[in-house]
Amino acid sequence: MPRRQRMKEARDEVAALRGENVSPPRYCTNLPFGYKGKERGRGEIVEFGGQPNDATLLGRNYIRLVRADETPMQCGGCGAWFVTEVFLRAHGRQAHPDIDDPSRRLQHEIEELRREDQELSKAPPIKIGPMPEVRTEKP
């Protein structure tokens, strides 16, 4: 990484810790760890703030700012965001092994559709009044 970019990221991190940024910075995890009662995977984008150890996590390299050249991707299983597809796939294999394999993913989607169908069949039927007569005569 060029020196100029490293300097900018360092300034952004310091400004974020001081609360000087207008828009909140986006952080991602370098290492898996627990935060706000939830396990965070490597490369996961996390909203940090309000916790007493936030500065320590940044200082010890547990978290870092998301770089502009990284394209975030969302997990289809749980909705978590990751900085790259590599981290997203690793998360999928570990957290959602039942839907990581294409054949299992299809089976998972079929089961979801069946559950939705069962939910809809429990709903009361919609009552529609009588249909008006349609005249086919020409005037």
C-alpha atoms as a PDB file:
ATOM      1  CA  MET A   1       0.000   0.000   0.000  1.00  0.00           C
ATOM      2  CA  PRO A   2       1.420   3.415  -0.922  1.00  0.00           C
ATOM      3  CA  ARG A   3       2.644   5.614   1.909  1.00  0.00           C
ATOM      4  CA  ARG A   4       0.181   8.382   1.056  1.00  0.00           C
ATOM      5  CA  GLN A   5      -2.802   6.022   1.374  1.00  0.00           C
ATOM      6  CA  ARG A   6      -1.490   4.624   4.676  1.00  0.00           C
ATOM      7  CA  MET A   7      -1.149   8.169   6.027  1.00  0.00           C
ATOM      8  CA  LYS A   8      -4.717   9.028   4.965  1.00  0.00           C
ATOM      9  CA  GLU A   9      -6.089   5.879   6.602  1.00  0.00           C
ATOM     10  CA  ALA A  10      -4.157   6.661   9.795  1.00  0.00           C
ATOM     11  CA  ARG A  11      -5.577  10.220   9.842  1.00  0.00           C
ATOM     12  CA  ASP A  12      -9.084   8.831   9.262  1.00  0.00           C
ATOM     13  CA  GLU A  13      -8.675   6.372  12.134  1.00  0.00           C
ATOM     14  CA  VAL A  14      -7.503   9.098  14.520  1.00  0.00           C
ATOM     15  CA  ALA A  15     -10.346  11.405  13.433  1.00  0.00           C
ATOM     16  CA  ALA A  16     -12.846   8.570  13.912  1.00  0.00           C
ATOM     17  CA  LEU A  17     -11.591   7.872  17.428  1.00  0.00           C
ATOM     18  CA  ARG A  18     -11.934  11.563  18.269  1.00  0.00           C
ATOM     19  CA  GLY A  19     -15.435  11.637  16.827  1.00  0.00           C
ATOM     20  CA  GLU A  20     -14.528  14.228  14.192  1.00  0.00           C
ATOM     21  CA  ASN A  21     -15.951  12.429  11.154  1.00  0.00           C
ATOM     22  CA  VAL A  22     -19.300  13.643   9.881  1.00  0.00           C
ATOM     23  CA  SER A  23     -20.203  10.263   8.402  1.00  0.00           C
ATOM     24  CA  PRO A  24     -19.392   7.230  10.542  1.00  0.00           C
ATOM     25  CA  PRO A  25     -16.424   5.219   9.250  1.00  0.00           C
ATOM     26  CA  ARG A  26     -16.929   1.596   8.328  1.00  0.00           C
ATOM     27  CA  TYR A  27     -14.754  -0.970  10.051  1.00  0.00           C
ATOM     28  CA  CYS A  28     -14.098  -4.613   9.354  1.00  0.00           C
ATOM     29  CA  THR A  29     -12.577  -7.326  11.483  1.00  0.00           C
ATOM     30  CA  ASN A  30      -9.045  -8.609  10.934  1.00  0.00           C
ATOM     31  CA  LEU A  31      -9.548 -11.462  13.384  1.00  0.00           C
ATOM     32  CA  PRO A  32     -12.666 -13.289  14.559  1.00  0.00           C
ATOM     33  CA  PHE A  33     -13.868 -12.150  17.988  1.00  0.00           C
ATOM     34  CA  GLY A  34     -17.005 -11.420  19.995  1.00  0.00           C
ATOM     35  CA  TYR A  35     -18.440  -7.892  19.960  1.00  0.00           C
ATOM     36  CA  LYS A  36     -21.734  -6.608  21.414  1.00  0.00           C
ATOM     37  CA  GLY A  37     -22.797 -10.159  22.268  1.00  0.00           C
ATOM     38  CA  LYS A  38     -22.256 -11.563  18.779  1.00  0.00           C
ATOM     39  CA  GLU A  39     -19.397 -13.520  17.217  1.00  0.00           C
ATOM     40  CA  ARG A  40     -17.833 -11.598  14.324  1.00  0.00           C
ATOM     41  CA  GLY A  41     -16.076 -13.415  11.493  1.00  0.00           C
ATOM     42  CA  ARG A  42     -12.904 -12.357   9.746  1.00  0.00           C
ATOM     43  CA  GLY A  43     -13.523  -9.628   7.156  1.00  0.00           C
ATOM     44  CA  GLU A  44     -17.007  -8.831   8.491  1.00  0.00           C
ATOM     45  CA  ILE A  45     -18.107  -5.204   8.297  1.00  0.00           C
ATOM     46  CA  VAL A  46     -19.208  -4.057  11.739  1.00  0.00           C
ATOM     47  CA  GLU A  47     -20.723  -0.879  13.173  1.00  0.00           C
ATOM     48  CA  PHE A  48     -18.346   0.056  15.974  1.00  0.00           C
ATOM     49  CA  GLY A  49     -18.979   2.661  18.598  1.00  0.00           C
ATOM     50  CA  GLY A  50     -20.086   3.171  22.135  1.00  0.00           C
ATOM     51  CA  GLN A  51     -18.054   0.359  23.643  1.00  0.00           C
ATOM     52  CA  PRO A  52     -15.219   1.064  26.083  1.00  0.00           C
ATOM     53  CA  ASN A  53     -12.631  -1.076  24.258  1.00  0.00           C
ATOM     54  CA  ASP A  54     -13.144   0.248  20.700  1.00  0.00           C
ATOM     55  CA  ALA A  55      -9.847   2.159  20.650  1.00  0.00           C
ATOM     56  CA  THR A  56      -8.024  -0.899  22.000  1.00  0.00           C
ATOM     57  CA  LEU A  57      -9.459  -3.111  19.243  1.00  0.00           C
ATOM     58  CA  LEU A  58      -8.218  -0.659  16.621  1.00  0.00           C
ATOM     59  CA  GLY A  59      -4.827  -0.273  18.281  1.00  0.00           C
ATOM     60  CA  ARG A  60      -4.282  -4.019  18.547  1.00  0.00           C
ATOM     61  CA  ASN A  61      -5.248  -4.544  14.908  1.00  0.00           C
ATOM     62  CA  TYR A  62      -8.444  -6.514  15.601  1.00  0.00           C
ATOM     63  CA  ILE A  63     -10.328  -4.052  13.390  1.00  0.00           C
ATOM     64  CA  ARG A  64      -9.426  -1.702  10.552  1.00  0.00           C
ATOM     65  CA  LEU A  65     -11.131   0.811   8.314  1.00  0.00           C
ATOM     66  CA  VAL A  66     -12.762  -0.570   5.175  1.00  0.00           C
ATOM     67  CA  ARG A  67     -10.689   0.532   2.183  1.00  0.00           C
ATOM     68  CA  ALA A  68     -12.252   2.340  -0.758  1.00  0.00           C
ATOM     69  CA  ASP A  69     -11.082  -0.383  -3.184  1.00  0.00           C
ATOM     70  CA  GLU A  70     -13.009  -3.119  -1.319  1.00  0.00           C
ATOM     71  CA  THR A  71     -16.499  -3.992  -2.563  1.00  0.00           C
ATOM     72  CA  PRO A  72     -18.734  -5.145   0.307  1.00  0.00           C
ATOM     73  CA  MET A  73     -20.849  -8.271  -0.241  1.00  0.00           C
ATOM     74  CA  GLN A  74     -23.834  -9.436   1.809  1.00  0.00           C
ATOM     75  CA  CYS A  75     -24.439 -12.958   3.084  1.00  0.00           C
ATOM     76  CA  GLY A  76     -27.690 -14.404   1.773  1.00  0.00           C
ATOM     77  CA  GLY A  77     -28.096 -16.602   4.841  1.00  0.00           C
ATOM     78  CA  CYS A  78     -27.850 -14.106   7.706  1.00  0.00           C
ATOM     79  CA  GLY A  79     -27.466 -10.670   6.107  1.00  0.00           C
ATOM     80  CA  ALA A  80     -23.959  -9.942   7.437  1.00  0.00           C
ATOM     81  CA  TRP A  81     -21.665  -7.824   5.228  1.00  0.00           C
ATOM     82  CA  PHE A  82     -18.084  -8.755   4.307  1.00  0.00           C
ATOM     83  CA  VAL A  83     -15.311  -6.774   2.608  1.00  0.00           C
ATOM     84  CA  THR A  84     -14.551  -9.349  -0.098  1.00  0.00           C
ATOM     85  CA  GLU A  85     -16.016 -12.466  -1.640  1.00  0.00           C
ATOM     86  CA  VAL A  86     -13.210 -14.556  -0.113  1.00  0.00           C
ATOM     87  CA  PHE A  87     -14.330 -13.665   3.427  1.00  0.00           C
ATOM     88  CA  LEU A  88     -17.993 -14.103   2.451  1.00  0.00           C
ATOM     89  CA  ARG A  89     -17.353 -17.631   1.139  1.00  0.00           C
ATOM     90  CA  ALA A  90     -15.340 -18.578   4.231  1.00  0.00           C
ATOM     91  CA  HIS A  91     -18.191 -17.315   6.411  1.00  0.00           C
ATOM     92  CA  GLY A  92     -20.723 -19.294   4.357  1.00  0.00           C
ATOM     93  CA  ARG A  93     -18.779 -22.542   4.712  1.00  0.00           C
ATOM     94  CA  GLN A  94     -18.485 -22.113   8.463  1.00  0.00           C
ATOM     95  CA  ALA A  95     -21.778 -20.479   9.466  1.00  0.00           C
ATOM     96  CA  HIS A  96     -24.145 -21.891   6.840  1.00  0.00           C
ATOM     97  CA  PRO A  97     -22.838 -25.290   5.729  1.00  0.00           C
ATOM     98  CA  ASP A  98     -26.365 -26.381   4.819  1.00  0.00           C
ATOM     99  CA  ILE A  99     -26.644 -23.740   2.068  1.00  0.00           C
ATOM    100  CA  ASP A 100     -23.002 -23.448   0.947  1.00  0.00           C
ATOM    101  CA  ASP A 101     -23.205 -26.482  -1.341  1.00  0.00           C
ATOM    102  CA  PRO A 102     -25.343 -25.770  -4.467  1.00  0.00           C
ATOM    103  CA  SER A 103     -27.424 -28.949  -4.057  1.00  0.00           C
ATOM    104  CA  ARG A 104     -27.993 -28.198  -0.380  1.00  0.00           C
ATOM    105  CA  ARG A 105     -28.811 -24.574  -1.227  1.00  0.00           C
ATOM    106  CA  LEU A 106     -31.522 -25.774  -3.621  1.00  0.00           C
ATOM    107  CA  GLN A 107     -32.883 -28.154  -0.977  1.00  0.00           C
ATOM    108  CA  HIS A 108     -32.858 -25.285   1.547  1.00  0.00           C
ATOM    109  CA  GLU A 109     -34.828 -23.052  -0.857  1.00  0.00           C
ATOM    110  CA  ILE A 110     -37.360 -25.846  -1.500  1.00  0.00           C
ATOM    111  CA  GLU A 111     -37.852 -26.304   2.256  1.00  0.00           C
ATOM    112  CA  GLU A 112     -38.363 -22.553   2.685  1.00  0.00           C
ATOM    113  CA  LEU A 113     -40.973 -22.529  -0.086  1.00  0.00           C
ATOM    114  CA  ARG A 114     -42.784 -25.461   1.542  1.00  0.00           C
ATOM    115  CA  ARG A 115     -42.818 -23.650   4.885  1.00  0.00           C
ATOM    116  CA  GLU A 116     -44.208 -20.520   3.204  1.00  0.00           C
ATOM    117  CA  ASP A 117     -46.854 -22.640   1.466  1.00  0.00           C
ATOM    118  CA  GLN A 118     -47.879 -24.173   4.798  1.00  0.00           C
ATOM    119  CA  GLU A 119     -48.116 -20.714   6.367  1.00  0.00           C
ATOM    120  CA  LEU A 120     -50.295 -19.489   3.505  1.00  0.00           C
ATOM    121  CA  SER A 121     -52.551 -22.549   3.686  1.00  0.00           C
ATOM    122  CA  LYS A 122     -53.262 -21.735   7.360  1.00  0.00           C
ATOM    123  CA  ALA A 123     -54.568 -18.291   6.423  1.00  0.00           C
ATOM    124  CA  PRO A 124     -58.350 -17.963   6.098  1.00  0.00           C
ATOM    125  CA  PRO A 125     -59.657 -17.931   2.538  1.00  0.00           C
ATOM    126  CA  ILE A 126     -60.416 -14.622   0.904  1.00  0.00           C
ATOM    127  CA  LYS A 127     -64.132 -14.154   0.290  1.00  0.00           C
ATOM    128  CA  ILE A 128     -65.030 -12.505  -2.970  1.00  0.00           C
ATOM    129  CA  GLY A 129     -68.585 -11.446  -3.761  1.00  0.00           C
ATOM    130  CA  PRO A 130     -70.480 -12.546  -6.868  1.00  0.00           C
ATOM    131  CA  MET A 131     -69.035 -11.469 -10.179  1.00  0.00           C
ATOM    132  CA  PRO A 132     -71.175  -9.085 -12.284  1.00  0.00           C
ATOM    133  CA  GLU A 133     -72.568 -10.415 -15.516  1.00  0.00           C
ATOM    134  CA  VAL A 134     -70.633  -9.561 -18.626  1.00  0.00           C
ATOM    135  CA  ARG A 135     -72.701  -8.808 -21.691  1.00  0.00           C
ATOM    136  CA  THR A 136     -71.321  -9.860 -25.020  1.00  0.00           C
ATOM    137  CA  GLU A 137     -74.080  -8.315 -27.136  1.00  0.00           C
ATOM    138  CA  LYS A 138     -73.167  -5.625 -29.583  1.00  0.00           C
ATOM    139  CA  PRO A 139     -75.149  -2.373 -29.233  1.00  0.00           C
END
